[in-house]
């Protein structure tokens, strides 16, 4: 764990279940090695039914379920909080996801956001508009993420689902599977490739992913950390190990 200083920026995360949460201490270490002086603590929410299915995702992202663990985050004294989940935010649609984070911010008394909004803002920050989505989800859930991105102003040139039902399975994917997902989900017209799902390990392979497709790659845990720092008003962090979003 990073030692806190008087200037340490702390963004707190509500993470559903247990799949790729070890990406967050890895990203914290990478950012601090780059001189950022940040902490990225997380607490786990109860996911209920582990299924990339609309009804299960709506329950997983209910505000009461999220705010039930805010007390566990309080000892870390975060300056902002992010719901570290893509599918259980975009499944509500643009307006519903906005209401979700507004209610979370009200309950937490802190600036708040979610991974879905992190993707929308990171796309703009990366200076791109045309994106391809390489998703772990079944096609119907992946399509809802495409709709969310279009509502943000992005153009979705390609969208690929992988049909994986559970976060538990996604969390077992290694480097080869993640690189294959990015390559297979890329589209020649896209300026960037997006890999949603915070259950997917990506923090160790961000430069490899970008090298594999020859363009920026934005992943769920990466943009979630970026969004937490943005909410804190943290200045730009140059950290090539975290991909071109931090470049």
C-alpha atoms as a PDB file:
ATOM      1  CA  UNK A   1       0.000   0.000   0.000  1.00  0.00           C
ATOM      2  CA  UNK A   2       1.227   3.472  -0.867  1.00  0.00           C
ATOM      3  CA  UNK A   3       2.102   5.652   2.133  1.00  0.00           C
ATOM      4  CA  UNK A   4      -0.127   8.724   2.340  1.00  0.00           C
ATOM      5  CA  UNK A   5       1.334  12.202   2.345  1.00  0.00           C
ATOM      6  CA  UNK A   6      -0.294  15.575   2.864  1.00  0.00           C
ATOM      7  CA  UNK A   7      -0.734  15.866  -0.901  1.00  0.00           C
ATOM      8  CA  UNK A   8      -1.817  12.302  -1.715  1.00  0.00           C
ATOM      9  CA  UNK A   9      -4.849  12.230  -4.017  1.00  0.00           C
ATOM     10  CA  UNK A  10      -7.268   9.440  -3.074  1.00  0.00           C
ATOM     11  CA  UNK A  11     -10.021   8.190  -5.342  1.00  0.00           C
ATOM     12  CA  UNK A  12     -12.225   5.434  -3.941  1.00  0.00           C
ATOM     13  CA  UNK A  13     -13.854   2.691  -5.987  1.00  0.00           C
ATOM     14  CA  UNK A  14     -16.897   0.483  -5.499  1.00  0.00           C
ATOM     15  CA  UNK A  15     -16.006  -2.780  -7.230  1.00  0.00           C
ATOM     16  CA  UNK A  16     -18.554  -5.518  -7.946  1.00  0.00           C
ATOM     17  CA  UNK A  17     -17.563  -8.868  -6.502  1.00  0.00           C
ATOM     18  CA  UNK A  18     -14.112 -10.390  -7.004  1.00  0.00           C
ATOM     19  CA  UNK A  19     -12.624 -10.781 -10.473  1.00  0.00           C
ATOM     20  CA  UNK A  20      -9.900  -8.318 -11.552  1.00  0.00           C
ATOM     21  CA  UNK A  21      -9.709  -6.063  -8.505  1.00  0.00           C
ATOM     22  CA  UNK A  22      -5.940  -6.639  -8.369  1.00  0.00           C
ATOM     23  CA  UNK A  23      -5.680  -4.306 -11.383  1.00  0.00           C
ATOM     24  CA  UNK A  24      -6.230  -1.370  -9.005  1.00  0.00           C
ATOM     25  CA  UNK A  25      -3.192  -1.825  -6.727  1.00  0.00           C
ATOM     26  CA  UNK A  26      -1.173  -2.539  -9.872  1.00  0.00           C
ATOM     27  CA  UNK A  27      -2.318   0.751 -11.447  1.00  0.00           C
ATOM     28  CA  UNK A  28      -1.701   2.601  -8.187  1.00  0.00           C
ATOM     29  CA  UNK A  29       1.878   1.298  -8.156  1.00  0.00           C
ATOM     30  CA  UNK A  30       2.444   2.221 -11.819  1.00  0.00           C
ATOM     31  CA  UNK A  31       1.104   5.739 -11.314  1.00  0.00           C
ATOM     32  CA  UNK A  32       3.164   6.311  -8.193  1.00  0.00           C
ATOM     33  CA  UNK A  33       6.298   5.038  -9.913  1.00  0.00           C
ATOM     34  CA  UNK A  34       5.560   7.781 -12.464  1.00  0.00           C
ATOM     35  CA  UNK A  35       5.429  10.358  -9.655  1.00  0.00           C
ATOM     36  CA  UNK A  36       1.656  10.749  -9.290  1.00  0.00           C
ATOM     37  CA  UNK A  37       1.275  10.369  -5.470  1.00  0.00           C
ATOM     38  CA  UNK A  38      -2.172   8.763  -5.597  1.00  0.00           C
ATOM     39  CA  UNK A  39      -4.142   6.072  -3.787  1.00  0.00           C
ATOM     40  CA  UNK A  40      -6.815   3.929  -5.435  1.00  0.00           C
ATOM     41  CA  UNK A  41      -8.514   1.977  -2.615  1.00  0.00           C
ATOM     42  CA  UNK A  42     -11.565  -0.120  -3.382  1.00  0.00           C
ATOM     43  CA  UNK A  43     -14.304  -1.934  -1.534  1.00  0.00           C
ATOM     44  CA  UNK A  44     -16.439  -4.755  -2.855  1.00  0.00           C
ATOM     45  CA  UNK A  45     -20.159  -4.541  -3.529  1.00  0.00           C
ATOM     46  CA  UNK A  46     -22.487  -7.526  -3.383  1.00  0.00           C
ATOM     47  CA  UNK A  47     -23.218  -8.408  -7.000  1.00  0.00           C
ATOM     48  CA  UNK A  48     -26.169 -10.697  -6.340  1.00  0.00           C
ATOM     49  CA  UNK A  49     -26.440 -12.897  -9.428  1.00  0.00           C
ATOM     50  CA  UNK A  50     -23.194 -13.030 -11.416  1.00  0.00           C
ATOM     51  CA  UNK A  51     -24.621 -12.755 -14.916  1.00  0.00           C
ATOM     52  CA  UNK A  52     -24.224 -10.434 -17.886  1.00  0.00           C
ATOM     53  CA  UNK A  53     -27.999 -10.370 -18.176  1.00  0.00           C
ATOM     54  CA  UNK A  54     -30.054  -7.182 -18.170  1.00  0.00           C
ATOM     55  CA  UNK A  55     -32.228  -8.013 -15.151  1.00  0.00           C
ATOM     56  CA  UNK A  56     -29.228  -9.122 -13.084  1.00  0.00           C
ATOM     57  CA  UNK A  57     -27.227  -6.044 -14.095  1.00  0.00           C
ATOM     58  CA  UNK A  58     -30.021  -3.663 -13.136  1.00  0.00           C
ATOM     59  CA  UNK A  59     -30.094  -5.205  -9.664  1.00  0.00           C
ATOM     60  CA  UNK A  60     -26.284  -5.248  -9.425  1.00  0.00           C
ATOM     61  CA  UNK A  61     -26.171  -1.500 -10.062  1.00  0.00           C
ATOM     62  CA  UNK A  62     -28.968  -0.469  -7.733  1.00  0.00           C
ATOM     63  CA  UNK A  63     -27.959   2.551  -5.665  1.00  0.00           C
ATOM     64  CA  UNK A  64     -28.922   0.879  -2.384  1.00  0.00           C
ATOM     65  CA  UNK A  65     -26.556  -1.986  -3.193  1.00  0.00           C
ATOM     66  CA  UNK A  66     -23.729   0.437  -4.025  1.00  0.00           C
ATOM     67  CA  UNK A  67     -24.142   2.711  -1.031  1.00  0.00           C
ATOM     68  CA  UNK A  68     -24.317  -0.205   1.412  1.00  0.00           C
ATOM     69  CA  UNK A  69     -20.502  -0.355   1.414  1.00  0.00           C
ATOM     70  CA  UNK A  70     -19.702   3.364   1.492  1.00  0.00           C
ATOM     71  CA  UNK A  71     -18.900   3.053   5.189  1.00  0.00           C
ATOM     72  CA  UNK A  72     -16.110   0.602   4.318  1.00  0.00           C
ATOM     73  CA  UNK A  73     -14.592   3.192   1.988  1.00  0.00           C
ATOM     74  CA  UNK A  74     -14.778   6.070   4.496  1.00  0.00           C
ATOM     75  CA  UNK A  75     -11.575   5.198   6.445  1.00  0.00           C
ATOM     76  CA  UNK A  76      -9.599   5.775   3.248  1.00  0.00           C
ATOM     77  CA  UNK A  77     -10.883   9.381   3.155  1.00  0.00           C
ATOM     78  CA  UNK A  78     -11.451   9.496  -0.609  1.00  0.00           C
ATOM     79  CA  UNK A  79     -12.014  12.780  -2.380  1.00  0.00           C
ATOM     80  CA  UNK A  80     -14.188  11.112  -5.023  1.00  0.00           C
ATOM     81  CA  UNK A  81     -15.919   7.787  -5.613  1.00  0.00           C
ATOM     82  CA  UNK A  82     -16.402   5.775  -8.804  1.00  0.00           C
ATOM     83  CA  UNK A  83     -18.725   2.835  -9.425  1.00  0.00           C
ATOM     84  CA  UNK A  84     -16.166   0.547 -11.035  1.00  0.00           C
ATOM     85  CA  UNK A  85     -18.529  -1.303 -13.333  1.00  0.00           C
ATOM     86  CA  UNK A  86     -19.368  -0.810 -16.989  1.00  0.00           C
ATOM     87  CA  UNK A  87     -22.322  -3.106 -17.652  1.00  0.00           C
ATOM     88  CA  UNK A  88     -24.246  -2.282 -14.461  1.00  0.00           C
ATOM     89  CA  UNK A  89     -24.077   1.402 -15.346  1.00  0.00           C
ATOM     90  CA  UNK A  90     -24.706   1.579 -19.127  1.00  0.00           C
ATOM     91  CA  UNK A  91     -27.554  -0.946 -18.798  1.00  0.00           C
ATOM     92  CA  UNK A  92     -29.599   1.944 -17.358  1.00  0.00           C
ATOM     93  CA  UNK A  93     -29.130   4.047 -20.506  1.00  0.00           C
ATOM     94  CA  UNK A  94     -27.552   7.501 -20.615  1.00  0.00           C
ATOM     95  CA  UNK A  95     -30.158   9.218 -18.447  1.00  0.00           C
ATOM     96  CA  UNK A  96     -30.504   6.346 -15.992  1.00  0.00           C
ATOM     97  CA  UNK A  97     -26.739   6.015 -15.566  1.00  0.00           C
ATOM     98  CA  UNK A  98     -26.613   9.746 -14.901  1.00  0.00           C
ATOM     99  CA  UNK A  99     -29.243   9.411 -12.191  1.00  0.00           C
ATOM    100  CA  UNK A 100     -27.293   6.476 -10.717  1.00  0.00           C
ATOM    101  CA  UNK A 101     -24.130   8.561 -10.206  1.00  0.00           C
ATOM    102  CA  UNK A 102     -26.088  11.618  -9.037  1.00  0.00           C
ATOM    103  CA  UNK A 103     -27.697   9.550  -6.291  1.00  0.00           C
ATOM    104  CA  UNK A 104     -24.343   7.948  -5.447  1.00  0.00           C
ATOM    105  CA  UNK A 105     -22.734  11.394  -5.151  1.00  0.00           C
ATOM    106  CA  UNK A 106     -25.575  12.577  -2.913  1.00  0.00           C
ATOM    107  CA  UNK A 107     -25.288   9.566  -0.599  1.00  0.00           C
ATOM    108  CA  UNK A 108     -21.478   9.701  -0.495  1.00  0.00           C
ATOM    109  CA  UNK A 109     -21.210  13.480  -0.211  1.00  0.00           C
ATOM    110  CA  UNK A 110     -18.466  13.288  -2.853  1.00  0.00           C
ATOM    111  CA  UNK A 111     -18.055  13.761  -6.606  1.00  0.00           C
ATOM    112  CA  UNK A 112     -19.047  10.475  -8.234  1.00  0.00           C
ATOM    113  CA  UNK A 113     -19.004   8.736 -11.590  1.00  0.00           C
ATOM    114  CA  UNK A 114     -19.026   5.272 -13.148  1.00  0.00           C
ATOM    115  CA  UNK A 115     -16.958   3.298 -15.631  1.00  0.00           C
ATOM    116  CA  UNK A 116     -19.430   3.951 -18.450  1.00  0.00           C
ATOM    117  CA  UNK A 117     -19.060   7.717 -18.113  1.00  0.00           C
ATOM    118  CA  UNK A 118     -15.312   7.212 -17.746  1.00  0.00           C
ATOM    119  CA  UNK A 119     -15.278   5.598 -21.191  1.00  0.00           C
ATOM    120  CA  UNK A 120     -17.285   8.449 -22.715  1.00  0.00           C
ATOM    121  CA  UNK A 121     -14.946  11.090 -21.283  1.00  0.00           C
ATOM    122  CA  UNK A 122     -11.764   9.136 -22.018  1.00  0.00           C
ATOM    123  CA  UNK A 123     -12.750   8.802 -25.683  1.00  0.00           C
ATOM    124  CA  UNK A 124     -12.997  12.583 -25.923  1.00  0.00           C
ATOM    125  CA  UNK A 125      -9.768  13.069 -23.952  1.00  0.00           C
ATOM    126  CA  UNK A 126      -7.977  10.699 -26.331  1.00  0.00           C
ATOM    127  CA  UNK A 127      -9.008  12.954 -29.213  1.00  0.00           C
ATOM    128  CA  UNK A 128     -10.898  10.232 -31.072  1.00  0.00           C
ATOM    129  CA  UNK A 129     -14.491   9.831 -32.195  1.00  0.00           C
ATOM    130  CA  UNK A 130     -14.696   6.557 -34.127  1.00  0.00           C
ATOM    131  CA  UNK A 131     -14.343   3.532 -31.842  1.00  0.00           C
ATOM    132  CA  UNK A 132     -14.590  -0.240 -32.004  1.00  0.00           C
ATOM    133  CA  UNK A 133     -15.945  -2.175 -29.029  1.00  0.00           C
ATOM    134  CA  UNK A 134     -14.403  -5.539 -28.150  1.00  0.00           C
ATOM    135  CA  UNK A 135     -16.648  -6.802 -25.360  1.00  0.00           C
ATOM    136  CA  UNK A 136     -16.691  -9.921 -23.224  1.00  0.00           C
ATOM    137  CA  UNK A 137     -20.495  -9.690 -22.971  1.00  0.00           C
ATOM    138  CA  UNK A 138     -23.259 -11.445 -24.874  1.00  0.00           C
ATOM    139  CA  UNK A 139     -24.279  -9.530 -27.994  1.00  0.00           C
ATOM    140  CA  UNK A 140     -27.430  -7.962 -26.516  1.00  0.00           C
ATOM    141  CA  UNK A 141     -25.522  -6.457 -23.578  1.00  0.00           C
ATOM    142  CA  UNK A 142     -22.657  -5.328 -25.825  1.00  0.00           C
ATOM    143  CA  UNK A 143     -25.216  -3.558 -28.017  1.00  0.00           C
ATOM    144  CA  UNK A 144     -26.402  -1.524 -25.027  1.00  0.00           C
ATOM    145  CA  UNK A 145     -22.842  -0.275 -24.515  1.00  0.00           C
ATOM    146  CA  UNK A 146     -22.786   0.741 -28.162  1.00  0.00           C
ATOM    147  CA  UNK A 147     -25.998   2.716 -27.614  1.00  0.00           C
ATOM    148  CA  UNK A 148     -24.457   4.429 -24.567  1.00  0.00           C
ATOM    149  CA  UNK A 149     -21.382   5.458 -26.522  1.00  0.00           C
ATOM    150  CA  UNK A 150     -23.493   6.840 -29.362  1.00  0.00           C
ATOM    151  CA  UNK A 151     -25.449   8.898 -26.826  1.00  0.00           C
ATOM    152  CA  UNK A 152     -22.116  10.399 -25.741  1.00  0.00           C
ATOM    153  CA  UNK A 153     -21.363  11.500 -29.309  1.00  0.00           C
ATOM    154  CA  UNK A 154     -18.986   8.695 -30.294  1.00  0.00           C
ATOM    155  CA  UNK A 155     -19.325   6.788 -33.553  1.00  0.00           C
ATOM    156  CA  UNK A 156     -19.229   3.016 -33.065  1.00  0.00           C
ATOM    157  CA  UNK A 157     -17.714   1.521 -36.209  1.00  0.00           C
ATOM    158  CA  UNK A 158     -17.537  -2.042 -34.936  1.00  0.00           C
ATOM    159  CA  UNK A 159     -19.017  -3.973 -32.023  1.00  0.00           C
ATOM    160  CA  UNK A 160     -18.133  -7.513 -31.031  1.00  0.00           C
ATOM    161  CA  UNK A 161     -19.547  -9.536 -28.156  1.00  0.00           C
ATOM    162  CA  UNK A 162     -17.917 -12.699 -26.813  1.00  0.00           C
ATOM    163  CA  UNK A 163     -20.913 -14.342 -25.173  1.00  0.00           C
ATOM    164  CA  UNK A 164     -19.375 -14.683 -21.709  1.00  0.00           C
ATOM    165  CA  UNK A 165     -22.082 -14.787 -19.067  1.00  0.00           C
ATOM    166  CA  UNK A 166     -20.198 -14.404 -15.779  1.00  0.00           C
ATOM    167  CA  UNK A 167     -17.612 -11.984 -14.415  1.00  0.00           C
ATOM    168  CA  UNK A 168     -15.971 -14.952 -12.699  1.00  0.00           C
ATOM    169  CA  UNK A 169     -15.113 -16.469 -16.079  1.00  0.00           C
ATOM    170  CA  UNK A 170     -13.886 -13.142 -17.483  1.00  0.00           C
ATOM    171  CA  UNK A 171     -11.573 -12.764 -14.492  1.00  0.00           C
ATOM    172  CA  UNK A 172      -9.717 -15.951 -15.487  1.00  0.00           C
ATOM    173  CA  UNK A 173      -8.669 -14.582 -18.891  1.00  0.00           C
ATOM    174  CA  UNK A 174      -4.947 -14.058 -19.318  1.00  0.00           C
ATOM    175  CA  UNK A 175      -2.765 -12.029 -21.644  1.00  0.00           C
ATOM    176  CA  UNK A 176      -3.330 -14.168 -24.740  1.00  0.00           C
ATOM    177  CA  UNK A 177      -7.113 -14.075 -24.439  1.00  0.00           C
ATOM    178  CA  UNK A 178      -7.152 -10.313 -23.831  1.00  0.00           C
ATOM    179  CA  UNK A 179      -4.861  -9.591 -26.796  1.00  0.00           C
ATOM    180  CA  UNK A 180      -7.021 -11.815 -29.000  1.00  0.00           C
ATOM    181  CA  UNK A 181     -10.145  -9.966 -27.853  1.00  0.00           C
ATOM    182  CA  UNK A 182      -8.642  -6.617 -28.867  1.00  0.00           C
ATOM    183  CA  UNK A 183      -7.426  -7.865 -32.236  1.00  0.00           C
ATOM    184  CA  UNK A 184     -10.682  -9.602 -33.107  1.00  0.00           C
ATOM    185  CA  UNK A 185     -12.787  -6.625 -31.992  1.00  0.00           C
ATOM    186  CA  UNK A 186     -10.762  -4.010 -33.856  1.00  0.00           C
ATOM    187  CA  UNK A 187     -12.201  -2.328 -36.933  1.00  0.00           C
ATOM    188  CA  UNK A 188     -10.140  -0.623 -39.663  1.00  0.00           C
ATOM    189  CA  UNK A 189     -12.310   2.497 -39.461  1.00  0.00           C
ATOM    190  CA  UNK A 190     -11.894   2.839 -35.690  1.00  0.00           C
ATOM    191  CA  UNK A 191      -9.449   5.289 -34.169  1.00  0.00           C
ATOM    192  CA  UNK A 192      -9.422   3.408 -30.843  1.00  0.00           C
ATOM    193  CA  UNK A 193     -10.505   0.057 -29.435  1.00  0.00           C
ATOM    194  CA  UNK A 194     -12.565  -0.129 -26.229  1.00  0.00           C
ATOM    195  CA  UNK A 195     -12.529  -3.140 -23.910  1.00  0.00           C
ATOM    196  CA  UNK A 196     -15.369  -2.790 -21.394  1.00  0.00           C
ATOM    197  CA  UNK A 197     -15.809  -5.001 -18.307  1.00  0.00           C
ATOM    198  CA  UNK A 198     -13.939  -4.277 -15.077  1.00  0.00           C
ATOM    199  CA  UNK A 199     -13.822  -8.050 -14.488  1.00  0.00           C
ATOM    200  CA  UNK A 200     -11.217  -8.217 -17.279  1.00  0.00           C
ATOM    201  CA  UNK A 201      -7.548  -7.986 -16.294  1.00  0.00           C
ATOM    202  CA  UNK A 202      -5.796  -5.441 -18.522  1.00  0.00           C
ATOM    203  CA  UNK A 203      -3.537  -3.269 -16.351  1.00  0.00           C
ATOM    204  CA  UNK A 204      -0.450  -5.419 -16.940  1.00  0.00           C
ATOM    205  CA  UNK A 205      -0.793  -5.413 -20.715  1.00  0.00           C
ATOM    206  CA  UNK A 206      -1.858  -1.918 -21.805  1.00  0.00           C
ATOM    207  CA  UNK A 207       1.226  -1.180 -23.970  1.00  0.00           C
ATOM    208  CA  UNK A 208       0.981  -4.703 -25.446  1.00  0.00           C
ATOM    209  CA  UNK A 209      -2.670  -4.140 -26.337  1.00  0.00           C
ATOM    210  CA  UNK A 210      -1.907  -0.886 -28.128  1.00  0.00           C
ATOM    211  CA  UNK A 211       1.007  -2.469 -29.978  1.00  0.00           C
ATOM    212  CA  UNK A 212      -1.241  -5.358 -31.039  1.00  0.00           C
ATOM    213  CA  UNK A 213      -3.798  -3.111 -32.758  1.00  0.00           C
ATOM    214  CA  UNK A 214      -1.616  -0.106 -33.597  1.00  0.00           C
ATOM    215  CA  UNK A 215      -3.948   2.447 -31.993  1.00  0.00           C
ATOM    216  CA  UNK A 216      -5.123   3.604 -28.556  1.00  0.00           C
ATOM    217  CA  UNK A 217      -6.842   0.975 -26.441  1.00  0.00           C
ATOM    218  CA  UNK A 218      -9.118   2.038 -23.601  1.00  0.00           C
ATOM    219  CA  UNK A 219      -9.950  -0.604 -21.016  1.00  0.00           C
ATOM    220  CA  UNK A 220     -12.484  -0.567 -18.209  1.00  0.00           C
ATOM    221  CA  UNK A 221     -10.141  -0.552 -15.221  1.00  0.00           C
ATOM    222  CA  UNK A 222      -7.756   1.894 -16.896  1.00  0.00           C
ATOM    223  CA  UNK A 223     -10.450   4.483 -17.667  1.00  0.00           C
ATOM    224  CA  UNK A 224     -12.011   3.977 -14.220  1.00  0.00           C
ATOM    225  CA  UNK A 225      -8.733   4.949 -12.534  1.00  0.00           C
ATOM    226  CA  UNK A 226      -8.368   7.872 -14.953  1.00  0.00           C
ATOM    227  CA  UNK A 227     -11.892   9.052 -14.129  1.00  0.00           C
ATOM    228  CA  UNK A 228     -11.193   8.920 -10.407  1.00  0.00           C
ATOM    229  CA  UNK A 229      -8.185  11.192 -10.846  1.00  0.00           C
ATOM    230  CA  UNK A 230     -10.197  13.500 -13.109  1.00  0.00           C
ATOM    231  CA  UNK A 231     -12.864  13.878 -10.435  1.00  0.00           C
ATOM    232  CA  UNK A 232     -10.156  14.844  -7.962  1.00  0.00           C
ATOM    233  CA  UNK A 233      -8.875  17.541 -10.308  1.00  0.00           C
ATOM    234  CA  UNK A 234      -5.558  15.708 -10.421  1.00  0.00           C
ATOM    235  CA  UNK A 235      -3.259  17.046 -13.123  1.00  0.00           C
ATOM    236  CA  UNK A 236      -2.189  14.944 -16.127  1.00  0.00           C
ATOM    237  CA  UNK A 237      -0.038  11.938 -15.261  1.00  0.00           C
ATOM    238  CA  UNK A 238       2.509  10.780 -17.818  1.00  0.00           C
ATOM    239  CA  UNK A 239       2.686   7.017 -17.351  1.00  0.00           C
ATOM    240  CA  UNK A 240       3.396   5.067 -20.577  1.00  0.00           C
ATOM    241  CA  UNK A 241       2.813   1.777 -18.759  1.00  0.00           C
ATOM    242  CA  UNK A 242      -0.837   2.853 -18.425  1.00  0.00           C
ATOM    243  CA  UNK A 243      -1.317   3.339 -22.159  1.00  0.00           C
ATOM    244  CA  UNK A 244      -1.667   6.383 -24.375  1.00  0.00           C
ATOM    245  CA  UNK A 245      -4.530   7.758 -22.238  1.00  0.00           C
ATOM    246  CA  UNK A 246      -1.800   8.533 -19.686  1.00  0.00           C
ATOM    247  CA  UNK A 247       0.760   9.499 -22.312  1.00  0.00           C
END
